[in-house]
PDB file of N, CA and C in Angstrom:
ATOM      1  N   UNK A   1      36.867   3.847  -5.574  1.00  0.00           N
ATOM      2  CA  UNK A   1      36.631   3.849  -7.002  1.00  0.00           C
ATOM      3  C   UNK A   1      37.766   4.633  -7.674  1.00  0.00           C
ATOM      4  N   UNK A   2      38.290   4.083  -8.700  1.00  0.00           N
ATOM      5  CA  UNK A   2      39.377   4.742  -9.410  1.00  0.00           C
ATOM      6  C   UNK A   2      38.858   5.941 -10.198  1.00  0.00           C
ATOM      7  N   UNK A   3      39.755   6.843 -10.481  1.00  0.00           N
ATOM      8  CA  UNK A   3      39.379   8.087 -11.164  1.00  0.00           C
ATOM      9  C   UNK A   3      38.706   7.832 -12.509  1.00  0.00           C
ATOM     10  N   UNK A   4      39.266   6.950 -13.298  1.00  0.00           N
ATOM     11  CA  UNK A   4      38.695   6.663 -14.624  1.00  0.00           C
ATOM     12  C   UNK A   4      37.287   6.072 -14.501  1.00  0.00           C
ATOM     13  N   UNK A   5      37.102   5.152 -13.536  1.00  0.00           N
ATOM     14  CA  UNK A   5      35.774   4.555 -13.323  1.00  0.00           C
ATOM     15  C   UNK A   5      34.773   5.611 -12.875  1.00  0.00           C
ATOM     16  N   UNK A   6      35.216   6.499 -11.983  1.00  0.00           N
ATOM     17  CA  UNK A   6      34.329   7.560 -11.496  1.00  0.00           C
ATOM     18  C   UNK A   6      33.947   8.513 -12.627  1.00  0.00           C
ATOM     19  N   UNK A   7      34.917   8.849 -13.459  1.00  0.00           N
ATOM     20  CA  UNK A   7      34.642   9.729 -14.601  1.00  0.00           C
ATOM     21  C   UNK A   7      33.613   9.093 -15.525  1.00  0.00           C
ATOM     22  N   UNK A   8      33.782   7.817 -15.797  1.00  0.00           N
ATOM     23  CA  UNK A   8      32.832   7.110 -16.666  1.00  0.00           C
ATOM     24  C   UNK A   8      31.441   7.106 -16.041  1.00  0.00           C
ATOM     25  N   UNK A   9      31.378   6.837 -14.729  1.00  0.00           N
ATOM     26  CA  UNK A   9      30.095   6.830 -14.032  1.00  0.00           C
ATOM     27  C   UNK A   9      29.412   8.192 -14.125  1.00  0.00           C
ATOM     28  N   UNK A  10      30.153   9.251 -13.908  1.00  0.00           N
ATOM     29  CA  UNK A  10      29.574  10.588 -13.965  1.00  0.00           C
ATOM     30  C   UNK A  10      29.069  10.928 -15.365  1.00  0.00           C
ATOM     31  N   UNK A  11      29.821  10.543 -16.372  1.00  0.00           N
ATOM     32  CA  UNK A  11      29.398  10.779 -17.757  1.00  0.00           C
ATOM     33  C   UNK A  11      28.117  10.009 -18.057  1.00  0.00           C
ATOM     34  N   UNK A  12      28.055   8.755 -17.622  1.00  0.00           N
ATOM     35  CA  UNK A  12      26.852   7.948 -17.859  1.00  0.00           C
ATOM     36  C   UNK A  12      25.649   8.532 -17.135  1.00  0.00           C
ATOM     37  N   UNK A  13      25.829   8.988 -15.901  1.00  0.00           N
ATOM     38  CA  UNK A  13      24.724   9.578 -15.157  1.00  0.00           C
ATOM     39  C   UNK A  13      24.244  10.868 -15.817  1.00  0.00           C
ATOM     40  N   UNK A  14      25.165  11.658 -16.314  1.00  0.00           N
ATOM     41  CA  UNK A  14      24.783  12.858 -17.064  1.00  0.00           C
ATOM     42  C   UNK A  14      23.999  12.502 -18.310  1.00  0.00           C
ATOM     43  N   UNK A  15      24.379  11.412 -18.941  1.00  0.00           N
ATOM     44  CA  UNK A  15      23.649  10.938 -20.112  1.00  0.00           C
ATOM     45  C   UNK A  15      22.218  10.561 -19.778  1.00  0.00           C
ATOM     46  N   UNK A  16      22.010  10.005 -18.588  1.00  0.00           N
ATOM     47  CA  UNK A  16      20.656   9.645 -18.170  1.00  0.00           C
ATOM     48  C   UNK A  16      19.789  10.882 -17.976  1.00  0.00           C
ATOM     49  N   UNK A  17      20.368  11.928 -17.421  1.00  0.00           N
ATOM     50  CA  UNK A  17      19.628  13.184 -17.259  1.00  0.00           C
ATOM     51  C   UNK A  17      19.212  13.713 -18.634  1.00  0.00           C
ATOM     52  N   UNK A  18      20.119  13.641 -19.588  1.00  0.00           N
ATOM     53  CA  UNK A  18      19.823  14.084 -20.946  1.00  0.00           C
ATOM     54  C   UNK A  18      18.767  13.194 -21.590  1.00  0.00           C
ATOM     55  N   UNK A  19      18.931  11.869 -21.449  1.00  0.00           N
ATOM     56  CA  UNK A  19      17.989  10.920 -22.050  1.00  0.00           C
ATOM     57  C   UNK A  19      16.581  11.102 -21.495  1.00  0.00           C
ATOM     58  N   UNK A  20      16.474  11.471 -20.234  1.00  0.00           N
ATOM     59  CA  UNK A  20      15.164  11.696 -19.621  1.00  0.00           C
ATOM     60  C   UNK A  20      14.481  12.940 -20.186  1.00  0.00           C
ATOM     61  N   UNK A  21      15.228  13.767 -20.895  1.00  0.00           N
ATOM     62  CA  UNK A  21      14.663  14.960 -21.509  1.00  0.00           C
ATOM     63  C   UNK A  21      14.694  16.192 -20.624  1.00  0.00           C
ATOM     64  N   UNK A  22      15.328  16.072 -19.459  1.00  0.00           N
ATOM     65  CA  UNK A  22      15.327  17.192 -18.520  1.00  0.00           C
ATOM     66  C   UNK A  22      16.091  18.400 -19.038  1.00  0.00           C
ATOM     67  N   UNK A  23      17.175  18.168 -19.736  1.00  0.00           N
ATOM     68  CA  UNK A  23      17.999  19.280 -20.223  1.00  0.00           C
ATOM     69  C   UNK A  23      17.181  20.181 -21.136  1.00  0.00           C
ATOM     70  N   UNK A  24      16.458  19.584 -22.059  1.00  0.00           N
ATOM     71  CA  UNK A  24      15.657  20.370 -22.996  1.00  0.00           C
ATOM     72  C   UNK A  24      14.419  20.962 -22.333  1.00  0.00           C
ATOM     73  N   UNK A  25      13.781  20.184 -21.464  1.00  0.00           N
ATOM     74  CA  UNK A  25      12.528  20.628 -20.848  1.00  0.00           C
ATOM     75  C   UNK A  25      12.699  21.852 -19.958  1.00  0.00           C
ATOM     76  N   UNK A  26      13.869  21.966 -19.320  1.00  0.00           N
ATOM     77  CA  UNK A  26      14.074  23.093 -18.410  1.00  0.00           C
ATOM     78  C   UNK A  26      15.261  23.951 -18.828  1.00  0.00           C
ATOM     79  N   UNK A  27      15.576  23.881 -20.119  1.00  0.00           N
ATOM     80  CA  UNK A  27      16.596  24.750 -20.713  1.00  0.00           C
ATOM     81  C   UNK A  27      17.935  24.686 -19.970  1.00  0.00           C
ATOM     82  N   UNK A  28      18.383  23.472 -19.671  1.00  0.00           N
ATOM     83  CA  UNK A  28      19.696  23.229 -19.063  1.00  0.00           C
ATOM     84  C   UNK A  28      19.882  23.992 -17.748  1.00  0.00           C
ATOM     85  N   UNK A  29      18.797  24.118 -16.973  1.00  0.00           N
ATOM     86  CA  UNK A  29      18.852  24.778 -15.671  1.00  0.00           C
ATOM     87  C   UNK A  29      19.332  23.748 -14.648  1.00  0.00           C
ATOM     88  N   UNK A  30      20.605  23.798 -14.330  1.00  0.00           N
ATOM     89  CA  UNK A  30      21.212  22.771 -13.495  1.00  0.00           C
ATOM     90  C   UNK A  30      20.709  22.793 -12.061  1.00  0.00           C
ATOM     91  N   UNK A  31      20.363  23.968 -11.556  1.00  0.00           N
ATOM     92  CA  UNK A  31      19.792  24.042 -10.211  1.00  0.00           C
ATOM     93  C   UNK A  31      18.438  23.328 -10.188  1.00  0.00           C
ATOM     94  N   UNK A  32      17.653  23.481 -11.238  1.00  0.00           N
ATOM     95  CA  UNK A  32      16.357  22.810 -11.320  1.00  0.00           C
ATOM     96  C   UNK A  32      16.546  21.300 -11.447  1.00  0.00           C
ATOM     97  N   UNK A  33      17.531  20.872 -12.238  1.00  0.00           N
ATOM     98  CA  UNK A  33      17.808  19.439 -12.373  1.00  0.00           C
ATOM     99  C   UNK A  33      18.185  18.857 -11.015  1.00  0.00           C
ATOM    100  N   UNK A  34      19.056  19.534 -10.298  1.00  0.00           N
ATOM    101  CA  UNK A  34      19.428  19.060  -8.965  1.00  0.00           C
ATOM    102  C   UNK A  34      18.207  19.033  -8.057  1.00  0.00           C
ATOM    103  N   UNK A  35      17.358  20.039  -8.139  1.00  0.00           N
ATOM    104  CA  UNK A  35      16.133  20.064  -7.340  1.00  0.00           C
ATOM    105  C   UNK A  35      15.233  18.878  -7.631  1.00  0.00           C
ATOM    106  N   UNK A  36      15.116  18.523  -8.895  1.00  0.00           N
ATOM    107  CA  UNK A  36      14.311  17.359  -9.288  1.00  0.00           C
ATOM    108  C   UNK A  36      14.885  16.091  -8.663  1.00  0.00           C
ATOM    109  N   UNK A  37      16.191  15.943  -8.732  1.00  0.00           N
ATOM    110  CA  UNK A  37      16.831  14.755  -8.171  1.00  0.00           C
ATOM    111  C   UNK A  37      16.699  14.715  -6.653  1.00  0.00           C
ATOM    112  N   UNK A  38      16.817  15.869  -6.006  1.00  0.00           N
ATOM    113  CA  UNK A  38      16.639  15.939  -4.556  1.00  0.00           C
ATOM    114  C   UNK A  38      15.212  15.568  -4.180  1.00  0.00           C
ATOM    115  N   UNK A  39      14.255  16.027  -4.972  1.00  0.00           N
ATOM    116  CA  UNK A  39      12.847  15.694  -4.733  1.00  0.00           C
ATOM    117  C   UNK A  39      12.618  14.187  -4.842  1.00  0.00           C
ATOM    118  N   UNK A  40      13.215  13.558  -5.852  1.00  0.00           N
ATOM    119  CA  UNK A  40      13.079  12.106  -6.009  1.00  0.00           C
ATOM    120  C   UNK A  40      13.699  11.382  -4.811  1.00  0.00           C
ATOM    121  N   UNK A  41      14.867  11.840  -4.363  1.00  0.00           N
ATOM    122  CA  UNK A  41      15.511  11.224  -3.195  1.00  0.00           C
ATOM    123  C   UNK A  41      14.657  11.402  -1.946  1.00  0.00           C
ATOM    124  N   UNK A  42      14.052  12.565  -1.783  1.00  0.00           N
ATOM    125  CA  UNK A  42      13.187  12.812  -0.625  1.00  0.00           C
ATOM    126  C   UNK A  42      11.974  11.887  -0.660  1.00  0.00           C
ATOM    127  N   UNK A  43      11.439  11.683  -1.844  1.00  0.00           N
ATOM    128  CA  UNK A  43      10.293  10.787  -1.986  1.00  0.00           C
ATOM    129  C   UNK A  43      10.675   9.366  -1.576  1.00  0.00           C
ATOM    130  N   UNK A  44      11.872   8.936  -1.982  1.00  0.00           N
ATOM    131  CA  UNK A  44      12.342   7.608  -1.597  1.00  0.00           C
ATOM    132  C   UNK A  44      12.562   7.515  -0.089  1.00  0.00           C
ATOM    133  N   UNK A  45      13.119   8.562   0.493  1.00  0.00           N
ATOM    134  CA  UNK A  45      13.351   8.553   1.946  1.00  0.00           C
ATOM    135  C   UNK A  45      12.046   8.513   2.728  1.00  0.00           C
ATOM    136  N   UNK A  46      10.997   9.058   2.145  1.00  0.00           N
ATOM    137  CA  UNK A  46       9.702   9.132   2.833  1.00  0.00           C
ATOM    138  C   UNK A  46       8.926   7.823   2.739  1.00  0.00           C
ATOM    139  N   UNK A  47       9.390   6.901   1.932  1.00  0.00           N
ATOM    140  CA  UNK A  47       8.716   5.610   1.799  1.00  0.00           C
ATOM    141  C   UNK A  47       9.573   4.530   2.430  1.00  0.00           C
ATOM    142  N   UNK A  48       8.934   3.469   2.847  1.00  0.00           N
ATOM    143  CA  UNK A  48       9.701   2.356   3.405  1.00  0.00           C
ATOM    144  C   UNK A  48       9.052   1.040   3.023  1.00  0.00           C
ATOM    145  N   UNK A  49       9.784   0.004   3.234  1.00  0.00           N
ATOM    146  CA  UNK A  49       9.276  -1.343   2.988  1.00  0.00           C
ATOM    147  C   UNK A  49       8.749  -1.553   1.588  1.00  0.00           C
ATOM    148  N   UNK A  50       7.533  -2.092   1.525  1.00  0.00           N
ATOM    149  CA  UNK A  50       6.923  -2.439   0.238  1.00  0.00           C
ATOM    150  C   UNK A  50       6.673  -1.207  -0.619  1.00  0.00           C
ATOM    151  N   UNK A  51       6.296  -0.093   0.004  1.00  0.00           N
ATOM    152  CA  UNK A  51       6.061   1.134  -0.765  1.00  0.00           C
ATOM    153  C   UNK A  51       7.343   1.604  -1.440  1.00  0.00           C
ATOM    154  N   UNK A  52       8.441   1.522  -0.712  1.00  0.00           N
ATOM    155  CA  UNK A  52       9.749   1.913  -1.264  1.00  0.00           C
ATOM    156  C   UNK A  52      10.090   1.031  -2.460  1.00  0.00           C
ATOM    157  N   UNK A  53       9.948  -0.269  -2.268  1.00  0.00           N
ATOM    158  CA  UNK A  53      10.272  -1.209  -3.347  1.00  0.00           C
ATOM    159  C   UNK A  53       9.354  -1.019  -4.543  1.00  0.00           C
ATOM    160  N   UNK A  54       8.095  -0.718  -4.300  1.00  0.00           N
ATOM    161  CA  UNK A  54       7.150  -0.504  -5.402  1.00  0.00           C
ATOM    162  C   UNK A  54       7.514   0.742  -6.196  1.00  0.00           C
ATOM    163  N   UNK A  55       7.884   1.808  -5.509  1.00  0.00           N
ATOM    164  CA  UNK A  55       8.272   3.036  -6.187  1.00  0.00           C
ATOM    165  C   UNK A  55       9.511   2.821  -7.048  1.00  0.00           C
ATOM    166  N   UNK A  56      10.506   2.139  -6.501  1.00  0.00           N
ATOM    167  CA  UNK A  56      11.709   1.838  -7.272  1.00  0.00           C
ATOM    168  C   UNK A  56      11.365   0.956  -8.472  1.00  0.00           C
ATOM    169  N   UNK A  57      10.492  -0.014  -8.281  1.00  0.00           N
ATOM    170  CA  UNK A  57      10.101  -0.907  -9.377  1.00  0.00           C
ATOM    171  C   UNK A  57       9.404  -0.138 -10.501  1.00  0.00           C
ATOM    172  N   UNK A  58       8.544   0.805 -10.139  1.00  0.00           N
ATOM    173  CA  UNK A  58       7.868   1.627 -11.151  1.00  0.00           C
ATOM    174  C   UNK A  58       8.895   2.425 -11.945  1.00  0.00           C
ATOM    175  N   UNK A  59       9.800   3.084 -11.240  1.00  0.00           N
ATOM    176  CA  UNK A  59      10.820   3.892 -11.915  1.00  0.00           C
ATOM    177  C   UNK A  59      11.739   3.015 -12.766  1.00  0.00           C
ATOM    178  N   UNK A  60      12.069   1.814 -12.275  1.00  0.00           N
ATOM    179  CA  UNK A  60      12.928   0.904 -13.036  1.00  0.00           C
ATOM    180  C   UNK A  60      12.239   0.487 -14.337  1.00  0.00           C
ATOM    181  N   UNK A  61      10.945   0.157 -14.268  1.00  0.00           N
ATOM    182  CA  UNK A  61      10.206  -0.234 -15.486  1.00  0.00           C
ATOM    183  C   UNK A  61      10.197   0.901 -16.503  1.00  0.00           C
ATOM    184  N   UNK A  62       9.954   2.112 -16.031  1.00  0.00           N
ATOM    185  CA  UNK A  62       9.964   3.269 -16.938  1.00  0.00           C
ATOM    186  C   UNK A  62      11.334   3.436 -17.585  1.00  0.00           C
ATOM    187  N   UNK A  63      12.362   3.281 -16.793  1.00  0.00           N
ATOM    188  CA  UNK A  63      13.726   3.403 -17.312  1.00  0.00           C
ATOM    189  C   UNK A  63      14.055   2.326 -18.323  1.00  0.00           C
ATOM    190  N   UNK A  64      13.666   1.114 -18.020  1.00  0.00           N
ATOM    191  CA  UNK A  64      13.933   0.019 -18.966  1.00  0.00           C
ATOM    192  C   UNK A  64      13.187   0.229 -20.276  1.00  0.00           C
ATOM    193  N   UNK A  65      11.959   0.727 -20.185  1.00  0.00           N
ATOM    194  CA  UNK A  65      11.216   1.032 -21.428  1.00  0.00           C
ATOM    195  C   UNK A  65      11.945   2.106 -22.227  1.00  0.00           C
ATOM    196  N   UNK A  66      12.462   3.123 -21.531  1.00  0.00           N
ATOM    197  CA  UNK A  66      13.183   4.198 -22.227  1.00  0.00           C
ATOM    198  C   UNK A  66      14.450   3.662 -22.875  1.00  0.00           C
ATOM    199  N   UNK A  67      15.155   2.782 -22.189  1.00  0.00           N
ATOM    200  CA  UNK A  67      16.340   2.164 -22.799  1.00  0.00           C
ATOM    201  C   UNK A  67      15.938   1.358 -24.017  1.00  0.00           C
ATOM    202  N   UNK A  68      14.830   0.645 -23.932  1.00  0.00           N
ATOM    203  CA  UNK A  68      14.367  -0.185 -25.038  1.00  0.00           C
ATOM    204  C   UNK A  68      14.016   0.630 -26.268  1.00  0.00           C
ATOM    205  N   UNK A  69      13.573   1.872 -26.069  1.00  0.00           N
ATOM    206  CA  UNK A  69      13.214   2.723 -27.203  1.00  0.00           C
ATOM    207  C   UNK A  69      14.402   3.016 -28.087  1.00  0.00           C
ATOM    208  N   UNK A  70      15.590   3.045 -27.494  1.00  0.00           N
ATOM    209  CA  UNK A  70      16.813   3.297 -28.255  1.00  0.00           C
ATOM    210  C   UNK A  70      17.637   2.035 -28.462  1.00  0.00           C
ATOM    211  N   UNK A  71      17.066   0.878 -28.073  1.00  0.00           N
ATOM    212  CA  UNK A  71      17.783  -0.386 -28.153  1.00  0.00           C
ATOM    213  C   UNK A  71      19.110  -0.337 -27.410  1.00  0.00           C
ATOM    214  N   UNK A  72      19.098   0.296 -26.242  1.00  0.00           N
ATOM    215  CA  UNK A  72      20.297   0.376 -25.401  1.00  0.00           C
ATOM    216  C   UNK A  72      20.028  -0.439 -24.149  1.00  0.00           C
ATOM    217  N   UNK A  73      20.971  -1.276 -23.766  1.00  0.00           N
ATOM    218  CA  UNK A  73      20.798  -2.111 -22.566  1.00  0.00           C
ATOM    219  C   UNK A  73      21.060  -1.334 -21.300  1.00  0.00           C
ATOM    220  N   UNK A  74      20.463  -1.803 -20.213  1.00  0.00           N
ATOM    221  CA  UNK A  74      20.721  -1.195 -18.908  1.00  0.00           C
ATOM    222  C   UNK A  74      21.799  -1.985 -18.196  1.00  0.00           C
ATOM    223  N   UNK A  75      22.364  -1.341 -17.177  1.00  0.00           N
ATOM    224  CA  UNK A  75      23.437  -1.980 -16.417  1.00  0.00           C
ATOM    225  C   UNK A  75      22.906  -2.773 -15.280  1.00  0.00           C
TER     226      UNK A  75
END
């Protein structure tokens, strides 16, 4: 991945953390934000097959609804 593409990706991912409300909810505690993301990854690792796909589908629907609230498309 080229540097410019990676920079854009990182900025967009940071925007998602902000859009989710985590920055305000935990007063920009970056260790806590990382902990939340690690917890989500652990949850995904602990599921397999249909359960894994169902969990991702639930999170995807929530994300799409959040994008729709601001009339912003998902990638």
